[in-house]
């Protein structure tokens, strides 16, 4: 009514049943035979079903990349990021490291305390690690009791330091079952990506180094 121009916007109107309803509003000017602005016509389109569909699509995208137990990104997301980081390394030389992290004696936790407690251990360790890394690092649940992480802008020495910090923080985390307090440790292997690496070769190297930590006595870091 002020400028005589058409407008459109998404608004929320109050439904007679009490809830708010998303509506697309279009306002068009009414002109007389001399082209003078005399009023306006508004049309309202209920877009609640469209919004619901869009939200469902976003939820599905999110669920496809998130581990439902820990809330961490899942293996699929890390693999996607791993390929992207390798391409960036070849294009601009931006280096990064990969860590593989495995919970020590996790089967014994499940066998002795049950899978509910095992899930608590997984979520506690996931929270400890995700809250202890840099904002641009990526920690994911690889599967089972294994985690993996991509750590950009790092050298071998820096990657070792990051891994040691995670190892110590996990070892000092606790899970209260109601009858006892449990602690867990992790074995970590890591490697800095090389230009010649494929995603598979880098994963294989970090995984092998993680098993080297286990064979050396567990609760250890091996970076190579």
N, C-alpha and C. Protein backbone atom coordinates (compact mmCIF):
# COMPACT_ATOMS: atom_id res chain seq x y z
N UNK A 1 0.83 -1.20 0.00
CA UNK A 1 0.00 0.00 0.00
C UNK A 1 0.86 1.26 0.00
N UNK A 2 2.10 1.15 0.41
CA UNK A 2 2.97 2.32 0.48
C UNK A 2 3.60 2.64 -0.87
N UNK A 3 4.15 1.63 -1.55
CA UNK A 3 4.87 1.92 -2.79
C UNK A 3 4.14 1.46 -4.05
N UNK A 4 3.01 0.79 -3.90
CA UNK A 4 2.24 0.37 -5.07
C UNK A 4 2.90 -0.71 -5.90
N UNK A 5 3.89 -1.38 -5.34
CA UNK A 5 4.61 -2.42 -6.08
C UNK A 5 4.18 -3.80 -5.59
N UNK A 6 4.33 -4.84 -6.43
CA UNK A 6 4.02 -6.20 -5.98
C UNK A 6 5.03 -6.69 -4.97
N UNK A 7 4.57 -7.51 -4.02
CA UNK A 7 5.43 -8.09 -3.00
C UNK A 7 5.01 -9.53 -2.74
N UNK A 8 5.96 -10.33 -2.27
CA UNK A 8 5.64 -11.69 -1.83
C UNK A 8 6.57 -12.07 -0.70
N UNK A 9 6.05 -12.92 0.19
CA UNK A 9 6.84 -13.31 1.37
C UNK A 9 6.23 -14.55 1.99
N UNK A 10 7.07 -15.27 2.74
CA UNK A 10 6.58 -16.40 3.53
C UNK A 10 6.29 -15.89 4.94
N UNK A 11 5.09 -16.14 5.42
CA UNK A 11 4.70 -15.70 6.75
C UNK A 11 4.04 -16.86 7.50
N UNK A 12 3.87 -16.69 8.79
CA UNK A 12 3.16 -17.68 9.60
C UNK A 12 1.86 -17.05 10.11
N UNK A 13 0.75 -17.63 9.72
CA UNK A 13 -0.55 -17.15 10.16
C UNK A 13 -1.08 -18.02 11.29
N UNK A 14 -1.97 -17.43 12.08
CA UNK A 14 -2.55 -18.12 13.21
C UNK A 14 -3.77 -18.90 12.73
N UNK A 15 -3.70 -20.25 12.80
CA UNK A 15 -4.82 -21.10 12.40
C UNK A 15 -5.90 -21.04 13.47
N UNK A 16 -7.15 -21.25 13.07
CA UNK A 16 -8.26 -21.18 14.02
C UNK A 16 -8.15 -22.26 15.10
N UNK A 17 -7.39 -23.36 14.81
CA UNK A 17 -7.20 -24.40 15.81
C UNK A 17 -6.06 -24.09 16.76
N UNK A 18 -5.40 -22.96 16.55
CA UNK A 18 -4.41 -22.50 17.52
C UNK A 18 -2.97 -22.56 17.07
N UNK A 19 -2.66 -23.39 16.07
CA UNK A 19 -1.27 -23.52 15.66
C UNK A 19 -0.91 -22.48 14.61
N UNK A 20 0.38 -22.33 14.38
CA UNK A 20 0.87 -21.44 13.33
C UNK A 20 1.04 -22.21 12.04
N UNK A 21 0.71 -21.57 10.92
CA UNK A 21 0.69 -22.22 9.62
C UNK A 21 1.56 -21.44 8.64
N UNK A 22 2.56 -22.10 7.98
CA UNK A 22 3.36 -21.38 6.99
C UNK A 22 2.55 -21.10 5.72
N UNK A 23 2.55 -19.84 5.30
CA UNK A 23 1.73 -19.41 4.15
C UNK A 23 2.59 -18.51 3.26
N UNK A 24 2.47 -18.71 1.95
CA UNK A 24 3.13 -17.83 1.00
C UNK A 24 2.13 -16.77 0.57
N UNK A 25 2.47 -15.48 0.80
CA UNK A 25 1.56 -14.37 0.52
C UNK A 25 2.08 -13.57 -0.67
N UNK A 26 1.22 -13.36 -1.66
CA UNK A 26 1.55 -12.51 -2.80
C UNK A 26 0.59 -11.34 -2.82
N UNK A 27 1.14 -10.14 -2.94
CA UNK A 27 0.34 -8.93 -2.99
C UNK A 27 0.57 -8.25 -4.33
N UNK A 28 -0.52 -7.99 -5.04
CA UNK A 28 -0.44 -7.34 -6.37
C UNK A 28 -1.23 -6.04 -6.35
N UNK A 29 -0.72 -4.97 -6.98
CA UNK A 29 -1.44 -3.69 -6.98
C UNK A 29 -2.64 -3.71 -7.93
N UNK A 30 -3.67 -2.95 -7.59
CA UNK A 30 -4.81 -2.71 -8.47
C UNK A 30 -4.72 -1.29 -9.02
N UNK A 31 -4.80 -1.18 -10.33
CA UNK A 31 -4.68 0.12 -10.98
C UNK A 31 -5.98 0.46 -11.70
N UNK A 32 -6.32 1.76 -11.76
CA UNK A 32 -7.51 2.16 -12.52
C UNK A 32 -7.12 2.37 -13.99
N UNK A 33 -8.05 2.83 -14.78
CA UNK A 33 -7.81 2.97 -16.23
C UNK A 33 -6.73 3.99 -16.54
N UNK A 34 -6.46 4.88 -15.60
CA UNK A 34 -5.42 5.89 -15.79
C UNK A 34 -4.07 5.45 -15.21
N UNK A 35 -4.02 4.20 -14.73
CA UNK A 35 -2.76 3.68 -14.17
C UNK A 35 -2.48 4.12 -12.76
N UNK A 36 -3.52 4.70 -12.10
CA UNK A 36 -3.32 5.12 -10.71
C UNK A 36 -3.58 3.96 -9.77
N UNK A 37 -2.77 3.89 -8.72
CA UNK A 37 -2.88 2.84 -7.72
C UNK A 37 -4.15 3.07 -6.89
N UNK A 38 -5.00 2.05 -6.84
CA UNK A 38 -6.27 2.19 -6.10
C UNK A 38 -6.41 1.17 -4.97
N UNK A 39 -5.58 0.17 -4.94
CA UNK A 39 -5.70 -0.86 -3.91
C UNK A 39 -4.80 -2.03 -4.22
N UNK A 40 -5.06 -3.15 -3.57
CA UNK A 40 -4.21 -4.32 -3.75
C UNK A 40 -5.02 -5.59 -3.54
N UNK A 41 -4.53 -6.67 -4.15
CA UNK A 41 -5.12 -8.00 -3.97
C UNK A 41 -4.06 -8.90 -3.34
N UNK A 42 -4.45 -9.61 -2.30
CA UNK A 42 -3.54 -10.54 -1.66
C UNK A 42 -4.01 -11.97 -1.90
N UNK A 43 -3.08 -12.86 -2.24
CA UNK A 43 -3.38 -14.29 -2.37
C UNK A 43 -2.54 -15.05 -1.36
N UNK A 44 -3.15 -16.06 -0.77
CA UNK A 44 -2.50 -16.84 0.27
C UNK A 44 -2.42 -18.30 -0.18
N UNK A 45 -1.23 -18.90 -0.06
CA UNK A 45 -1.02 -20.29 -0.44
C UNK A 45 -0.46 -21.06 0.75
N UNK A 46 -1.19 -22.10 1.15
CA UNK A 46 -0.73 -22.95 2.25
C UNK A 46 0.47 -23.76 1.77
N UNK A 47 1.63 -23.56 2.41
CA UNK A 47 2.84 -24.29 2.00
C UNK A 47 3.32 -25.24 3.09
N UNK A 48 2.42 -25.59 4.02
CA UNK A 48 2.84 -26.46 5.12
C UNK A 48 3.30 -27.82 4.63
N UNK A 49 2.62 -28.38 3.62
CA UNK A 49 3.04 -29.69 3.11
C UNK A 49 4.39 -29.59 2.41
N UNK A 50 4.63 -28.47 1.71
CA UNK A 50 5.91 -28.27 1.05
C UNK A 50 7.03 -28.15 2.08
N UNK A 51 6.76 -27.40 3.14
CA UNK A 51 7.76 -27.25 4.20
C UNK A 51 8.06 -28.59 4.87
N UNK A 52 7.00 -29.38 5.11
CA UNK A 52 7.18 -30.68 5.75
C UNK A 52 8.02 -31.60 4.88
N UNK A 53 7.77 -31.56 3.56
CA UNK A 53 8.53 -32.40 2.64
C UNK A 53 9.99 -31.97 2.62
N UNK A 54 10.23 -30.67 2.59
CA UNK A 54 11.60 -30.16 2.58
C UNK A 54 12.33 -30.56 3.86
N UNK A 55 11.61 -30.51 5.00
CA UNK A 55 12.22 -30.90 6.26
C UNK A 55 12.54 -32.39 6.28
N UNK A 56 11.64 -33.19 5.71
CA UNK A 56 11.90 -34.63 5.63
C UNK A 56 13.14 -34.93 4.80
N UNK A 57 13.29 -34.21 3.70
CA UNK A 57 14.47 -34.40 2.86
C UNK A 57 15.74 -34.04 3.63
N UNK A 58 15.71 -32.92 4.35
CA UNK A 58 16.88 -32.51 5.12
C UNK A 58 17.18 -33.51 6.23
N UNK A 59 16.13 -34.04 6.87
CA UNK A 59 16.32 -35.03 7.92
C UNK A 59 16.96 -36.30 7.37
N UNK A 60 16.51 -36.72 6.20
CA UNK A 60 17.07 -37.92 5.58
C UNK A 60 18.53 -37.72 5.22
N UNK A 61 18.84 -36.53 4.69
CA UNK A 61 20.24 -36.23 4.37
C UNK A 61 21.10 -36.28 5.63
N UNK A 62 20.57 -35.68 6.70
CA UNK A 62 21.33 -35.64 7.96
C UNK A 62 21.52 -37.05 8.52
N UNK A 63 20.44 -37.85 8.54
CA UNK A 63 20.53 -39.19 9.09
C UNK A 63 21.46 -40.08 8.29
N UNK A 64 21.56 -39.82 6.99
CA UNK A 64 22.44 -40.64 6.15
C UNK A 64 23.91 -40.40 6.46
N UNK A 65 24.22 -39.30 7.15
CA UNK A 65 25.61 -38.94 7.42
C UNK A 65 25.94 -38.90 8.90
N UNK A 66 24.97 -39.24 9.76
CA UNK A 66 25.16 -39.15 11.20
C UNK A 66 24.95 -40.52 11.84
N UNK A 67 25.86 -40.90 12.73
CA UNK A 67 25.68 -42.12 13.50
C UNK A 67 24.61 -41.88 14.56
N UNK A 68 23.53 -42.67 14.58
CA UNK A 68 22.41 -42.36 15.48
C UNK A 68 22.74 -42.53 16.96
N UNK A 69 23.71 -43.38 17.31
CA UNK A 69 24.02 -43.59 18.72
C UNK A 69 24.85 -42.45 19.28
N UNK A 70 25.95 -42.13 18.63
CA UNK A 70 26.89 -41.16 19.18
C UNK A 70 26.63 -39.73 18.72
N UNK A 71 25.88 -39.57 17.63
CA UNK A 71 25.67 -38.24 17.07
C UNK A 71 26.84 -37.73 16.27
N UNK A 72 27.89 -38.55 16.12
CA UNK A 72 29.04 -38.15 15.32
C UNK A 72 28.75 -38.39 13.84
N UNK A 73 29.48 -37.72 12.96
CA UNK A 73 29.41 -38.09 11.54
C UNK A 73 29.77 -39.57 11.39
N UNK A 74 29.20 -40.21 10.37
CA UNK A 74 29.46 -41.63 10.20
C UNK A 74 30.56 -41.89 9.18
N UNK A 75 30.80 -43.15 8.92
CA UNK A 75 31.88 -43.55 8.02
C UNK A 75 31.69 -42.97 6.63
N UNK A 76 30.46 -42.95 6.15
CA UNK A 76 30.20 -42.43 4.81
C UNK A 76 30.64 -40.99 4.69
N UNK A 77 30.34 -40.19 5.72
CA UNK A 77 30.72 -38.78 5.69
C UNK A 77 32.24 -38.64 5.72
N UNK A 78 32.91 -39.41 6.57
CA UNK A 78 34.36 -39.29 6.64
C UNK A 78 35.01 -39.70 5.33
N UNK A 79 34.50 -40.76 4.70
CA UNK A 79 35.07 -41.18 3.42
C UNK A 79 34.93 -40.09 2.36
N UNK A 80 33.78 -39.41 2.36
CA UNK A 80 33.58 -38.30 1.43
C UNK A 80 34.59 -37.19 1.69
N UNK A 81 34.76 -36.84 2.96
CA UNK A 81 35.70 -35.79 3.32
C UNK A 81 37.15 -36.20 3.04
N UNK A 82 37.43 -37.48 3.19
CA UNK A 82 38.78 -37.98 2.94
C UNK A 82 39.16 -37.80 1.47
N UNK A 83 38.25 -38.13 0.58
CA UNK A 83 38.50 -37.93 -0.85
C UNK A 83 38.69 -36.45 -1.16
N UNK A 84 37.87 -35.60 -0.54
CA UNK A 84 37.98 -34.16 -0.78
C UNK A 84 39.31 -33.62 -0.27
N UNK A 85 39.77 -34.07 0.89
CA UNK A 85 41.04 -33.62 1.44
C UNK A 85 42.21 -34.06 0.58
N UNK A 86 42.14 -35.28 0.04
CA UNK A 86 43.22 -35.76 -0.82
C UNK A 86 43.29 -34.94 -2.11
N UNK A 87 42.14 -34.58 -2.65
CA UNK A 87 42.12 -33.73 -3.84
C UNK A 87 42.71 -32.36 -3.53
N UNK A 88 42.39 -31.83 -2.36
CA UNK A 88 42.94 -30.54 -1.95
C UNK A 88 44.45 -30.62 -1.75
N UNK A 89 44.91 -31.75 -1.19
CA UNK A 89 46.34 -31.95 -1.00
C UNK A 89 47.08 -31.93 -2.34
N UNK A 90 46.53 -32.60 -3.33
CA UNK A 90 47.17 -32.64 -4.64
C UNK A 90 47.11 -31.28 -5.34
N UNK A 91 46.04 -30.54 -5.09
CA UNK A 91 45.84 -29.27 -5.78
C UNK A 91 46.63 -28.13 -5.15
N UNK A 92 46.66 -28.09 -3.82
CA UNK A 92 47.26 -26.93 -3.15
C UNK A 92 48.31 -27.28 -2.11
N UNK A 93 48.53 -28.58 -1.89
CA UNK A 93 49.53 -28.97 -0.90
C UNK A 93 49.06 -28.87 0.54
N UNK A 94 47.75 -28.73 0.77
CA UNK A 94 47.22 -28.62 2.13
C UNK A 94 47.22 -30.00 2.79
N UNK A 95 48.18 -30.21 3.68
CA UNK A 95 48.34 -31.52 4.29
C UNK A 95 47.34 -31.79 5.41
N UNK A 96 47.19 -33.06 5.74
CA UNK A 96 46.31 -33.46 6.84
C UNK A 96 46.74 -34.83 7.33
N UNK A 97 46.27 -35.18 8.52
CA UNK A 97 46.55 -36.49 9.09
C UNK A 97 45.26 -37.26 9.34
N UNK A 98 45.39 -38.57 9.37
CA UNK A 98 44.25 -39.46 9.64
C UNK A 98 44.57 -40.31 10.86
N UNK A 99 43.64 -40.37 11.82
CA UNK A 99 43.78 -41.22 12.99
C UNK A 99 42.72 -42.30 12.97
N UNK A 100 43.13 -43.49 13.36
CA UNK A 100 42.19 -44.58 13.62
C UNK A 100 42.25 -44.91 15.10
N UNK A 101 41.10 -45.03 15.74
CA UNK A 101 41.00 -45.13 17.19
C UNK A 101 40.09 -46.31 17.53
N UNK A 102 40.58 -47.23 18.35
CA UNK A 102 39.81 -48.42 18.71
C UNK A 102 39.75 -48.56 20.22
N UNK A 103 38.56 -48.82 20.75
CA UNK A 103 38.40 -48.98 22.19
C UNK A 103 38.99 -50.33 22.62
N UNK A 104 39.83 -50.30 23.63
CA UNK A 104 40.49 -51.52 24.11
C UNK A 104 39.52 -52.41 24.89
N UNK A 105 39.57 -53.70 24.62
CA UNK A 105 38.79 -54.71 25.35
C UNK A 105 37.29 -54.39 25.37
N UNK A 106 36.78 -53.84 24.28
CA UNK A 106 35.37 -53.44 24.28
C UNK A 106 34.44 -54.65 24.36
N UNK A 107 34.83 -55.76 23.78
CA UNK A 107 33.99 -56.96 23.86
C UNK A 107 33.78 -57.40 25.31
N UNK A 108 34.80 -57.23 26.12
CA UNK A 108 34.67 -57.59 27.53
C UNK A 108 33.66 -56.69 28.24
N UNK A 109 33.61 -55.43 27.85
CA UNK A 109 32.62 -54.51 28.42
C UNK A 109 31.22 -54.99 28.11
N UNK A 110 30.98 -55.32 26.84
CA UNK A 110 29.65 -55.81 26.45
C UNK A 110 29.32 -57.13 27.13
N UNK A 111 30.29 -58.03 27.18
CA UNK A 111 30.03 -59.36 27.77
C UNK A 111 29.75 -59.27 29.26
N UNK A 112 30.46 -58.37 29.94
CA UNK A 112 30.32 -58.29 31.40
C UNK A 112 29.16 -57.41 31.83
N UNK A 113 28.96 -56.30 31.12
CA UNK A 113 27.98 -55.31 31.59
C UNK A 113 26.75 -55.19 30.69
N UNK A 114 26.79 -55.77 29.50
CA UNK A 114 25.66 -55.66 28.59
C UNK A 114 25.84 -54.54 27.58
N UNK A 115 25.03 -54.62 26.53
CA UNK A 115 25.19 -53.67 25.43
C UNK A 115 24.75 -52.25 25.80
N UNK A 116 23.84 -52.12 26.77
CA UNK A 116 23.43 -50.77 27.17
C UNK A 116 24.62 -50.01 27.77
N UNK A 117 25.39 -50.69 28.60
CA UNK A 117 26.58 -50.06 29.17
C UNK A 117 27.62 -49.85 28.08
N UNK A 118 27.73 -50.82 27.16
CA UNK A 118 28.64 -50.64 26.03
C UNK A 118 28.31 -49.39 25.24
N UNK A 119 27.00 -49.15 25.05
CA UNK A 119 26.58 -47.93 24.34
C UNK A 119 26.96 -46.68 25.12
N UNK A 120 26.86 -46.74 26.45
CA UNK A 120 27.28 -45.59 27.26
C UNK A 120 28.77 -45.31 27.10
N UNK A 121 29.56 -46.38 27.04
CA UNK A 121 31.00 -46.21 26.84
C UNK A 121 31.28 -45.56 25.49
N UNK A 122 30.58 -46.04 24.46
CA UNK A 122 30.76 -45.47 23.13
C UNK A 122 30.41 -43.98 23.10
N UNK A 123 29.28 -43.62 23.68
CA UNK A 123 28.85 -42.22 23.64
C UNK A 123 29.75 -41.34 24.49
N UNK A 124 30.22 -41.86 25.62
CA UNK A 124 31.13 -41.07 26.47
C UNK A 124 32.44 -40.78 25.75
N UNK A 125 33.00 -41.80 25.13
CA UNK A 125 34.25 -41.60 24.39
C UNK A 125 34.03 -40.69 23.19
N UNK A 126 32.92 -40.85 22.50
CA UNK A 126 32.60 -39.99 21.37
C UNK A 126 32.52 -38.53 21.81
N UNK A 127 31.84 -38.28 22.93
CA UNK A 127 31.70 -36.90 23.42
C UNK A 127 33.06 -36.34 23.84
N UNK A 128 33.85 -37.15 24.53
CA UNK A 128 35.17 -36.69 24.96
C UNK A 128 36.01 -36.25 23.78
N UNK A 129 36.03 -37.05 22.72
CA UNK A 129 36.87 -36.73 21.58
C UNK A 129 36.32 -35.56 20.77
N UNK A 130 35.02 -35.56 20.51
CA UNK A 130 34.45 -34.51 19.66
C UNK A 130 34.55 -33.14 20.31
N UNK A 131 34.53 -33.10 21.65
CA UNK A 131 34.62 -31.82 22.36
C UNK A 131 36.06 -31.41 22.64
N UNK A 132 37.03 -32.24 22.23
CA UNK A 132 38.42 -31.98 22.56
C UNK A 132 39.30 -31.69 21.34
N UNK A 133 38.69 -31.63 20.17
CA UNK A 133 39.46 -31.37 18.95
C UNK A 133 39.23 -29.94 18.48
N UNK A 134 39.99 -29.53 17.48
CA UNK A 134 39.86 -28.18 16.94
C UNK A 134 38.57 -28.07 16.12
N UNK A 135 38.06 -26.85 15.93
CA UNK A 135 36.79 -26.70 15.21
C UNK A 135 36.81 -27.27 13.80
N UNK A 136 37.96 -27.27 13.15
CA UNK A 136 38.02 -27.74 11.77
C UNK A 136 38.43 -29.21 11.66
N UNK A 137 38.66 -29.89 12.79
CA UNK A 137 38.93 -31.33 12.76
C UNK A 137 37.61 -32.09 12.62
N UNK A 138 37.71 -33.32 12.17
CA UNK A 138 36.52 -34.15 11.97
C UNK A 138 36.74 -35.50 12.63
N UNK A 139 35.93 -35.83 13.64
CA UNK A 139 35.96 -37.14 14.28
C UNK A 139 34.67 -37.85 13.97
N UNK A 140 34.76 -39.10 13.54
CA UNK A 140 33.55 -39.85 13.18
C UNK A 140 33.57 -41.22 13.84
N UNK A 141 32.40 -41.85 13.84
CA UNK A 141 32.34 -43.25 14.23
C UNK A 141 32.50 -44.08 12.97
N UNK A 142 33.58 -44.84 12.92
CA UNK A 142 33.88 -45.65 11.75
C UNK A 142 32.99 -46.89 11.70
N UNK A 143 32.70 -47.44 12.87
CA UNK A 143 31.87 -48.63 12.97
C UNK A 143 32.24 -49.44 14.19
N UNK A 144 31.26 -50.12 14.81
CA UNK A 144 31.55 -50.90 16.00
C UNK A 144 32.18 -50.04 17.07
N UNK A 145 33.36 -50.48 17.57
CA UNK A 145 34.07 -49.71 18.59
C UNK A 145 35.19 -48.88 18.01
N UNK A 146 35.17 -48.66 16.70
CA UNK A 146 36.22 -47.90 16.04
C UNK A 146 35.76 -46.49 15.67
N UNK A 147 36.67 -45.55 15.85
CA UNK A 147 36.47 -44.17 15.44
C UNK A 147 37.60 -43.79 14.50
N UNK A 148 37.39 -42.73 13.75
CA UNK A 148 38.44 -42.21 12.87
C UNK A 148 38.34 -40.69 12.85
N UNK A 149 39.44 -40.05 12.52
CA UNK A 149 39.43 -38.59 12.49
C UNK A 149 40.36 -38.03 11.43
N UNK A 150 39.91 -36.93 10.81
CA UNK A 150 40.73 -36.19 9.85
C UNK A 150 41.18 -34.90 10.54
N UNK A 151 42.50 -34.63 10.49
CA UNK A 151 43.07 -33.49 11.19
C UNK A 151 43.88 -32.65 10.21
N UNK A 152 43.27 -31.58 9.68
CA UNK A 152 43.95 -30.74 8.67
C UNK A 152 45.12 -29.95 9.27
N UNK A 153 45.97 -29.47 8.37
CA UNK A 153 47.06 -28.55 8.73
C UNK A 153 47.93 -29.13 9.86
N UNK A 154 48.40 -30.34 9.66
CA UNK A 154 49.18 -30.96 10.73
C UNK A 154 50.37 -31.72 10.16
N UNK A 155 51.41 -31.81 10.97
CA UNK A 155 52.60 -32.60 10.64
C UNK A 155 52.53 -33.91 11.43
N UNK A 156 53.51 -34.77 11.20
CA UNK A 156 53.55 -36.02 11.94
C UNK A 156 53.66 -35.79 13.44
N UNK A 157 54.53 -34.87 13.83
CA UNK A 157 54.70 -34.58 15.26
C UNK A 157 53.43 -34.00 15.86
N UNK A 158 52.79 -33.09 15.13
CA UNK A 158 51.55 -32.49 15.63
C UNK A 158 50.44 -33.53 15.72
N UNK A 159 50.39 -34.43 14.74
CA UNK A 159 49.36 -35.47 14.75
C UNK A 159 49.56 -36.39 15.95
N UNK A 160 50.83 -36.71 16.24
CA UNK A 160 51.11 -37.53 17.41
C UNK A 160 50.64 -36.83 18.69
N UNK A 161 50.89 -35.52 18.77
CA UNK A 161 50.45 -34.77 19.94
C UNK A 161 48.95 -34.76 20.10
N UNK A 162 48.22 -34.58 18.99
CA UNK A 162 46.76 -34.61 19.03
C UNK A 162 46.27 -35.98 19.49
N UNK A 163 46.88 -37.03 18.95
CA UNK A 163 46.47 -38.39 19.30
C UNK A 163 46.73 -38.68 20.78
N UNK A 164 47.88 -38.25 21.28
CA UNK A 164 48.21 -38.47 22.69
C UNK A 164 47.22 -37.74 23.60
N UNK A 165 46.85 -36.54 23.19
CA UNK A 165 45.88 -35.79 24.00
C UNK A 165 44.55 -36.53 24.07
N UNK A 166 44.09 -37.04 22.92
CA UNK A 166 42.83 -37.79 22.90
C UNK A 166 42.94 -39.06 23.75
N UNK A 167 44.07 -39.74 23.63
CA UNK A 167 44.26 -40.97 24.40
C UNK A 167 44.16 -40.70 25.90
N UNK A 168 44.84 -39.66 26.36
CA UNK A 168 44.83 -39.33 27.79
C UNK A 168 43.45 -38.89 28.25
N UNK A 169 42.78 -38.07 27.46
CA UNK A 169 41.45 -37.59 27.84
C UNK A 169 40.45 -38.73 27.93
N UNK A 170 40.53 -39.68 26.99
CA UNK A 170 39.63 -40.84 27.05
C UNK A 170 39.92 -41.66 28.30
N UNK A 171 41.20 -41.88 28.59
CA UNK A 171 41.58 -42.69 29.75
C UNK A 171 41.09 -42.08 31.06
N UNK A 172 40.89 -40.77 31.07
CA UNK A 172 40.41 -40.09 32.29
C UNK A 172 38.91 -39.85 32.27
N UNK A 173 38.21 -40.35 31.26
CA UNK A 173 36.75 -40.27 31.23
C UNK A 173 36.16 -41.43 32.02
N UNK A 174 34.93 -41.26 32.48
CA UNK A 174 34.30 -42.27 33.32
C UNK A 174 32.86 -42.51 32.89
N UNK A 175 32.41 -43.75 33.08
CA UNK A 175 31.01 -44.12 32.83
C UNK A 175 30.45 -44.69 34.12
N UNK A 176 29.41 -44.04 34.64
CA UNK A 176 28.76 -44.49 35.88
C UNK A 176 27.59 -45.39 35.52
N UNK A 177 27.70 -46.67 35.83
CA UNK A 177 26.63 -47.64 35.49
C UNK A 177 25.53 -47.68 36.54
N UNK A 178 25.73 -46.98 37.65
CA UNK A 178 24.78 -47.06 38.75
C UNK A 178 25.26 -47.98 39.85
N UNK A 179 26.06 -48.98 39.49
CA UNK A 179 26.62 -49.90 40.47
C UNK A 179 28.13 -49.79 40.56
N UNK A 180 28.75 -49.30 39.49
CA UNK A 180 30.19 -49.08 39.49
C UNK A 180 30.55 -48.03 38.45
N UNK A 181 31.77 -47.54 38.56
CA UNK A 181 32.27 -46.53 37.62
C UNK A 181 33.32 -47.18 36.75
N UNK A 182 33.11 -47.11 35.43
CA UNK A 182 34.01 -47.76 34.48
C UNK A 182 34.90 -46.73 33.80
N UNK A 183 36.09 -47.19 33.46
CA UNK A 183 37.01 -46.40 32.63
C UNK A 183 37.39 -47.24 31.42
N UNK A 184 37.75 -46.60 30.34
CA UNK A 184 38.16 -47.30 29.13
C UNK A 184 39.38 -46.61 28.54
N UNK A 185 40.10 -47.35 27.73
CA UNK A 185 41.25 -46.77 27.03
C UNK A 185 41.10 -47.04 25.54
N UNK A 186 41.91 -46.36 24.75
CA UNK A 186 41.88 -46.54 23.31
C UNK A 186 43.30 -46.74 22.78
N UNK A 187 43.38 -47.48 21.69
CA UNK A 187 44.62 -47.62 20.94
C UNK A 187 44.47 -46.83 19.65
N UNK A 188 45.50 -46.05 19.31
CA UNK A 188 45.39 -45.11 18.19
C UNK A 188 46.54 -45.32 17.22
N UNK A 189 46.22 -45.28 15.94
CA UNK A 189 47.22 -45.28 14.89
C UNK A 189 46.95 -44.12 13.96
N UNK A 190 48.00 -43.52 13.44
CA UNK A 190 47.80 -42.37 12.57
C UNK A 190 48.91 -42.18 11.57
N UNK A 191 48.55 -41.46 10.52
CA UNK A 191 49.53 -41.18 9.47
C UNK A 191 49.17 -39.89 8.77
N UNK A 192 50.19 -39.18 8.32
CA UNK A 192 49.98 -37.96 7.54
C UNK A 192 49.84 -38.35 6.07
N UNK A 193 48.87 -37.79 5.40
CA UNK A 193 48.60 -38.11 3.99
C UNK A 193 49.75 -37.67 3.10
N UNK A 194 50.00 -38.47 2.08
CA UNK A 194 51.01 -38.15 1.07
C UNK A 194 50.32 -37.98 -0.28
N UNK A 195 50.93 -37.23 -1.17
CA UNK A 195 50.32 -36.96 -2.47
C UNK A 195 50.02 -38.25 -3.23
N UNK A 196 50.86 -39.25 -3.06
CA UNK A 196 50.66 -40.51 -3.77
C UNK A 196 49.54 -41.36 -3.17
N UNK A 197 49.04 -40.97 -2.00
CA UNK A 197 48.02 -41.77 -1.32
C UNK A 197 46.69 -41.77 -2.06
N UNK A 198 46.01 -42.91 -1.99
CA UNK A 198 44.57 -42.96 -2.26
C UNK A 198 43.89 -43.03 -0.90
N UNK A 199 42.57 -42.88 -0.90
CA UNK A 199 41.85 -43.00 0.36
C UNK A 199 42.08 -44.38 0.97
N UNK A 200 42.07 -45.41 0.13
CA UNK A 200 42.23 -46.78 0.61
C UNK A 200 43.62 -47.00 1.22
N UNK A 201 44.65 -46.47 0.58
CA UNK A 201 46.01 -46.69 1.09
C UNK A 201 46.24 -45.95 2.41
N UNK A 202 45.67 -44.76 2.54
CA UNK A 202 45.83 -43.99 3.77
C UNK A 202 45.08 -44.66 4.92
N UNK A 203 43.86 -45.12 4.64
CA UNK A 203 43.08 -45.83 5.65
C UNK A 203 43.80 -47.10 6.08
N UNK A 204 44.32 -47.85 5.12
CA UNK A 204 45.02 -49.10 5.43
C UNK A 204 46.24 -48.85 6.31
N UNK A 205 46.98 -47.77 6.04
CA UNK A 205 48.18 -47.46 6.81
C UNK A 205 47.82 -47.06 8.25
N UNK A 206 46.84 -46.19 8.40
CA UNK A 206 46.42 -45.76 9.74
C UNK A 206 45.84 -46.92 10.53
N UNK A 207 45.09 -47.78 9.86
CA UNK A 207 44.50 -48.94 10.52
C UNK A 207 45.59 -49.89 11.00
N UNK A 208 46.60 -50.13 10.16
CA UNK A 208 47.70 -51.02 10.54
C UNK A 208 48.47 -50.46 11.73
N UNK A 209 48.66 -49.17 11.77
CA UNK A 209 49.36 -48.54 12.89
C UNK A 209 48.54 -48.61 14.17
N UNK A 210 47.21 -48.54 14.03
CA UNK A 210 46.36 -48.71 15.20
C UNK A 210 46.52 -50.12 15.77
N UNK A 211 46.56 -51.13 14.91
CA UNK A 211 46.77 -52.50 15.38
C UNK A 211 48.17 -52.67 15.97
N UNK A 212 49.14 -51.92 15.49
CA UNK A 212 50.47 -51.95 16.09
C UNK A 212 50.41 -51.45 17.53
N UNK A 213 49.59 -50.43 17.79
CA UNK A 213 49.41 -49.94 19.16
C UNK A 213 48.81 -51.02 20.04
N UNK A 214 47.85 -51.77 19.51
CA UNK A 214 47.23 -52.84 20.29
C UNK A 214 48.25 -53.94 20.60
N UNK A 215 49.04 -54.30 19.60
CA UNK A 215 50.02 -55.36 19.79
C UNK A 215 51.14 -54.94 20.73
N UNK A 216 51.32 -53.64 20.91
CA UNK A 216 52.37 -53.13 21.80
C UNK A 216 51.88 -53.02 23.24
N UNK A 217 50.64 -53.38 23.48
CA UNK A 217 50.14 -53.35 24.85
C UNK A 217 48.87 -52.54 25.06
N UNK A 218 48.34 -51.91 24.01
CA UNK A 218 47.11 -51.11 24.08
C UNK A 218 47.34 -49.80 24.86
N UNK A 219 46.33 -48.92 24.76
CA UNK A 219 46.41 -47.60 25.38
C UNK A 219 47.67 -46.89 24.92
N UNK A 220 47.92 -46.96 23.61
CA UNK A 220 49.12 -46.39 23.02
C UNK A 220 48.79 -45.65 21.73
N UNK A 221 49.73 -44.84 21.29
CA UNK A 221 49.64 -44.13 20.02
C UNK A 221 50.82 -44.54 19.16
N UNK A 222 50.53 -44.88 17.91
CA UNK A 222 51.59 -45.17 16.94
C UNK A 222 51.33 -44.33 15.70
N UNK A 223 52.24 -43.45 15.35
CA UNK A 223 52.10 -42.58 14.19
C UNK A 223 53.29 -42.82 13.27
N UNK A 224 53.00 -43.01 11.98
CA UNK A 224 54.06 -43.26 11.03
C UNK A 224 53.75 -42.73 9.64
